């Protein structure tokens, strides 16, 4: 069994892979949650103001997609590194 030394603690390769898998899913969930929180606050602001131009609303929606896109990017990077390390350590 291969091990990885991190801060004087020994982690098995399987445990490290499990951590990467769980973190890649957690990142996606957090990205979606942050997007919903942002959209909720925007909807409250729109309700307080009354009306908002459509182009401003579309721009705000595009900005609210950024956390989800970044979380998907980090998840893909994590999963790709997982595949790379699995193939490399065979």
N, C-alpha and C. Protein backbone atom coordinates (compact mmCIF):
# COMPACT_ATOMS: atom_id res chain seq x y z
N UNK A 1 0.85 -1.17 0.00
CA UNK A 1 0.00 0.00 0.00
C UNK A 1 0.89 1.24 0.00
N UNK A 2 0.58 2.18 -0.86
CA UNK A 2 1.35 3.42 -0.92
C UNK A 2 0.80 4.41 0.09
N UNK A 3 1.68 5.23 0.62
CA UNK A 3 1.25 6.25 1.58
C UNK A 3 1.78 7.60 1.15
N UNK A 4 1.17 8.63 1.68
CA UNK A 4 1.53 10.00 1.37
C UNK A 4 1.81 10.72 2.68
N UNK A 5 2.97 11.36 2.80
CA UNK A 5 3.31 12.04 4.04
C UNK A 5 2.83 13.48 3.97
N UNK A 6 1.97 13.85 4.90
CA UNK A 6 1.44 15.21 4.99
C UNK A 6 1.54 15.65 6.44
N UNK A 7 2.36 16.67 6.73
CA UNK A 7 2.52 17.21 8.08
C UNK A 7 2.82 16.11 9.11
N UNK A 8 3.76 15.26 8.79
CA UNK A 8 4.19 14.18 9.68
C UNK A 8 3.08 13.19 10.01
N UNK A 9 2.03 13.16 9.25
CA UNK A 9 0.98 12.17 9.41
C UNK A 9 0.95 11.33 8.13
N UNK A 10 0.72 10.07 8.28
CA UNK A 10 0.71 9.19 7.13
C UNK A 10 -0.73 8.94 6.70
N UNK A 11 -1.01 9.24 5.46
CA UNK A 11 -2.33 8.99 4.89
C UNK A 11 -2.18 7.94 3.80
N UNK A 12 -3.05 6.98 3.80
CA UNK A 12 -3.02 6.00 2.72
C UNK A 12 -3.55 6.65 1.44
N UNK A 13 -3.18 6.06 0.34
CA UNK A 13 -3.62 6.59 -0.96
C UNK A 13 -5.14 6.50 -1.07
N UNK A 14 -5.72 5.43 -0.56
CA UNK A 14 -7.17 5.28 -0.63
C UNK A 14 -7.88 6.36 0.18
N UNK A 15 -7.34 6.68 1.34
CA UNK A 15 -7.95 7.72 2.18
C UNK A 15 -7.84 9.09 1.50
N UNK A 16 -6.70 9.35 0.89
CA UNK A 16 -6.51 10.61 0.18
C UNK A 16 -7.49 10.72 -0.99
N UNK A 17 -7.68 9.63 -1.72
CA UNK A 17 -8.62 9.64 -2.83
C UNK A 17 -10.05 9.86 -2.34
N UNK A 18 -10.39 9.27 -1.21
CA UNK A 18 -11.73 9.46 -0.65
C UNK A 18 -11.94 10.92 -0.26
N UNK A 19 -10.92 11.54 0.32
CA UNK A 19 -11.02 12.95 0.71
C UNK A 19 -11.21 13.83 -0.52
N UNK A 20 -10.46 13.55 -1.59
CA UNK A 20 -10.59 14.34 -2.82
C UNK A 20 -11.98 14.17 -3.41
N UNK A 21 -12.51 12.94 -3.43
CA UNK A 21 -13.86 12.71 -3.94
C UNK A 21 -14.90 13.49 -3.15
N UNK A 22 -14.81 13.43 -1.84
CA UNK A 22 -15.80 14.11 -1.01
C UNK A 22 -15.69 15.63 -1.13
N UNK A 23 -14.48 16.14 -1.22
CA UNK A 23 -14.31 17.59 -1.36
C UNK A 23 -14.82 18.08 -2.71
N UNK A 24 -14.64 17.29 -3.77
CA UNK A 24 -15.11 17.73 -5.08
C UNK A 24 -16.64 17.81 -5.12
N UNK A 25 -17.32 16.93 -4.41
CA UNK A 25 -18.78 17.02 -4.33
C UNK A 25 -19.20 18.18 -3.43
N UNK A 26 -18.49 18.37 -2.32
CA UNK A 26 -18.81 19.46 -1.40
C UNK A 26 -18.66 20.82 -2.06
N UNK A 27 -17.66 20.97 -2.92
CA UNK A 27 -17.43 22.24 -3.61
C UNK A 27 -18.62 22.57 -4.51
N UNK A 28 -19.15 21.58 -5.21
CA UNK A 28 -20.31 21.83 -6.08
C UNK A 28 -21.52 22.24 -5.26
N UNK A 29 -21.75 21.53 -4.16
CA UNK A 29 -22.90 21.86 -3.31
C UNK A 29 -22.78 23.27 -2.75
N UNK A 30 -21.59 23.64 -2.29
CA UNK A 30 -21.39 24.99 -1.76
C UNK A 30 -21.56 26.05 -2.84
N UNK A 31 -21.09 25.79 -4.05
CA UNK A 31 -21.25 26.74 -5.15
C UNK A 31 -22.71 27.00 -5.47
N UNK A 32 -23.51 25.94 -5.50
CA UNK A 32 -24.94 26.10 -5.78
C UNK A 32 -25.63 26.82 -4.63
N UNK A 33 -25.25 26.49 -3.39
CA UNK A 33 -25.84 27.16 -2.23
C UNK A 33 -25.53 28.65 -2.24
N UNK A 34 -24.30 29.01 -2.55
CA UNK A 34 -23.91 30.42 -2.60
C UNK A 34 -24.67 31.14 -3.71
N UNK A 35 -24.88 30.46 -4.85
CA UNK A 35 -25.65 31.07 -5.92
C UNK A 35 -27.08 31.35 -5.48
N UNK A 36 -27.70 30.39 -4.81
CA UNK A 36 -29.07 30.60 -4.34
C UNK A 36 -29.14 31.71 -3.30
N UNK A 37 -28.16 31.80 -2.43
CA UNK A 37 -28.15 32.89 -1.44
C UNK A 37 -28.02 34.24 -2.13
N UNK A 38 -27.17 34.31 -3.15
CA UNK A 38 -27.02 35.55 -3.90
C UNK A 38 -28.29 35.94 -4.64
N UNK A 39 -28.93 34.95 -5.27
CA UNK A 39 -30.19 35.24 -5.97
C UNK A 39 -31.28 35.66 -5.01
N UNK A 40 -31.32 35.05 -3.83
CA UNK A 40 -32.32 35.42 -2.83
C UNK A 40 -32.14 36.87 -2.39
N UNK A 41 -30.90 37.28 -2.16
CA UNK A 41 -30.66 38.67 -1.75
C UNK A 41 -30.99 39.64 -2.88
N UNK A 42 -30.73 39.24 -4.11
CA UNK A 42 -31.07 40.09 -5.26
C UNK A 42 -32.58 40.24 -5.37
N UNK A 43 -33.30 39.16 -5.19
CA UNK A 43 -34.76 39.23 -5.27
C UNK A 43 -35.34 40.11 -4.16
N UNK A 44 -34.74 40.09 -2.98
CA UNK A 44 -35.18 40.98 -1.91
C UNK A 44 -34.91 42.44 -2.27
N UNK A 45 -33.76 42.70 -2.89
CA UNK A 45 -33.44 44.07 -3.29
C UNK A 45 -34.39 44.55 -4.38
N UNK A 46 -34.72 43.67 -5.32
CA UNK A 46 -35.66 44.04 -6.39
C UNK A 46 -37.03 44.33 -5.80
N UNK A 47 -37.43 43.53 -4.83
CA UNK A 47 -38.72 43.74 -4.18
C UNK A 47 -38.75 45.08 -3.45
N UNK A 48 -37.63 45.47 -2.84
CA UNK A 48 -37.58 46.75 -2.12
C UNK A 48 -37.60 47.94 -3.07
N UNK A 49 -36.91 47.82 -4.21
CA UNK A 49 -36.83 48.92 -5.16
C UNK A 49 -38.12 49.03 -5.97
N UNK A 50 -38.66 47.93 -6.39
CA UNK A 50 -39.90 47.95 -7.17
C UNK A 50 -39.69 47.42 -8.56
N UNK A 51 -38.88 48.08 -9.36
CA UNK A 51 -38.63 47.60 -10.72
C UNK A 51 -37.16 47.83 -11.05
N UNK A 52 -36.64 46.93 -11.87
CA UNK A 52 -35.23 46.98 -12.26
C UNK A 52 -35.17 46.77 -13.77
N UNK A 53 -34.31 47.51 -14.46
CA UNK A 53 -34.16 47.28 -15.91
C UNK A 53 -33.72 45.84 -16.19
N UNK A 54 -34.20 45.31 -17.30
CA UNK A 54 -33.94 43.93 -17.65
C UNK A 54 -32.46 43.65 -17.87
N UNK A 55 -31.72 44.60 -18.48
CA UNK A 55 -30.29 44.38 -18.71
C UNK A 55 -29.52 44.31 -17.40
N UNK A 56 -29.92 45.09 -16.42
CA UNK A 56 -29.28 45.03 -15.10
C UNK A 56 -29.57 43.71 -14.42
N UNK A 57 -30.79 43.22 -14.57
CA UNK A 57 -31.17 41.93 -13.99
C UNK A 57 -30.39 40.79 -14.65
N UNK A 58 -30.24 40.85 -15.96
CA UNK A 58 -29.49 39.81 -16.68
C UNK A 58 -28.01 39.82 -16.27
N UNK A 59 -27.45 41.01 -16.11
CA UNK A 59 -26.06 41.09 -15.66
C UNK A 59 -25.87 40.53 -14.26
N UNK A 60 -26.82 40.80 -13.37
CA UNK A 60 -26.75 40.25 -12.02
C UNK A 60 -26.88 38.74 -12.01
N UNK A 61 -27.74 38.22 -12.88
CA UNK A 61 -27.88 36.77 -12.97
C UNK A 61 -26.60 36.12 -13.48
N UNK A 62 -25.94 36.77 -14.44
CA UNK A 62 -24.67 36.24 -14.96
C UNK A 62 -23.61 36.22 -13.86
N UNK A 63 -23.57 37.25 -13.04
CA UNK A 63 -22.61 37.29 -11.93
C UNK A 63 -22.93 36.22 -10.90
N UNK A 64 -24.21 35.93 -10.69
CA UNK A 64 -24.58 34.92 -9.70
C UNK A 64 -24.18 33.51 -10.14
N UNK A 65 -23.93 33.32 -11.42
CA UNK A 65 -23.49 32.01 -11.91
C UNK A 65 -22.01 31.74 -11.65
N UNK A 66 -21.25 32.77 -11.32
CA UNK A 66 -19.81 32.59 -11.13
C UNK A 66 -19.44 31.59 -10.04
N UNK A 67 -20.05 31.62 -8.85
CA UNK A 67 -19.67 30.61 -7.85
C UNK A 67 -19.92 29.18 -8.32
N UNK A 68 -21.02 28.97 -9.04
CA UNK A 68 -21.31 27.63 -9.54
C UNK A 68 -20.29 27.21 -10.59
N UNK A 69 -19.93 28.13 -11.47
CA UNK A 69 -18.94 27.80 -12.50
C UNK A 69 -17.58 27.50 -11.89
N UNK A 70 -17.16 28.31 -10.92
CA UNK A 70 -15.88 28.05 -10.26
C UNK A 70 -15.91 26.74 -9.48
N UNK A 71 -17.03 26.44 -8.85
CA UNK A 71 -17.11 25.18 -8.11
C UNK A 71 -17.04 23.99 -9.06
N UNK A 72 -17.67 24.10 -10.22
CA UNK A 72 -17.57 23.03 -11.20
C UNK A 72 -16.14 22.89 -11.72
N UNK A 73 -15.47 24.02 -11.92
CA UNK A 73 -14.08 23.98 -12.37
C UNK A 73 -13.19 23.29 -11.34
N UNK A 74 -13.34 23.66 -10.07
CA UNK A 74 -12.52 23.04 -9.03
C UNK A 74 -12.86 21.56 -8.86
N UNK A 75 -14.12 21.20 -9.05
CA UNK A 75 -14.51 19.80 -8.96
C UNK A 75 -13.89 18.99 -10.09
N UNK A 76 -13.89 19.54 -11.29
CA UNK A 76 -13.28 18.86 -12.43
C UNK A 76 -11.77 18.71 -12.21
N UNK A 77 -11.13 19.74 -11.68
CA UNK A 77 -9.70 19.66 -11.39
C UNK A 77 -9.44 18.57 -10.35
N UNK A 78 -10.27 18.51 -9.31
CA UNK A 78 -10.10 17.49 -8.29
C UNK A 78 -10.30 16.09 -8.83
N UNK A 79 -11.35 15.91 -9.62
CA UNK A 79 -11.61 14.58 -10.19
C UNK A 79 -10.53 14.18 -11.19
N UNK A 80 -10.04 15.14 -11.98
CA UNK A 80 -8.97 14.85 -12.93
C UNK A 80 -7.69 14.45 -12.21
N UNK A 81 -7.37 15.16 -11.14
CA UNK A 81 -6.17 14.79 -10.37
C UNK A 81 -6.35 13.43 -9.72
N UNK A 82 -7.56 13.10 -9.32
CA UNK A 82 -7.85 11.79 -8.75
C UNK A 82 -7.57 10.69 -9.77
N UNK A 83 -8.04 10.88 -10.99
CA UNK A 83 -7.80 9.90 -12.05
C UNK A 83 -6.31 9.82 -12.36
N UNK A 84 -5.64 10.98 -12.42
CA UNK A 84 -4.21 11.00 -12.72
C UNK A 84 -3.41 10.24 -11.67
N UNK A 85 -3.68 10.50 -10.39
CA UNK A 85 -2.94 9.83 -9.33
C UNK A 85 -3.28 8.35 -9.24
N UNK A 86 -4.50 7.98 -9.57
CA UNK A 86 -4.87 6.57 -9.57
C UNK A 86 -4.12 5.82 -10.66
N UNK A 87 -4.06 6.40 -11.84
CA UNK A 87 -3.35 5.75 -12.95
C UNK A 87 -1.85 5.72 -12.67
N UNK A 88 -1.32 6.79 -12.12
CA UNK A 88 0.12 6.89 -11.85
C UNK A 88 0.58 5.90 -10.78
N UNK A 89 -0.26 5.62 -9.81
CA UNK A 89 0.15 4.76 -8.70
C UNK A 89 -0.22 3.30 -8.88
N UNK A 90 -0.57 2.90 -10.07
CA UNK A 90 -0.87 1.48 -10.32
C UNK A 90 0.38 0.69 -10.44
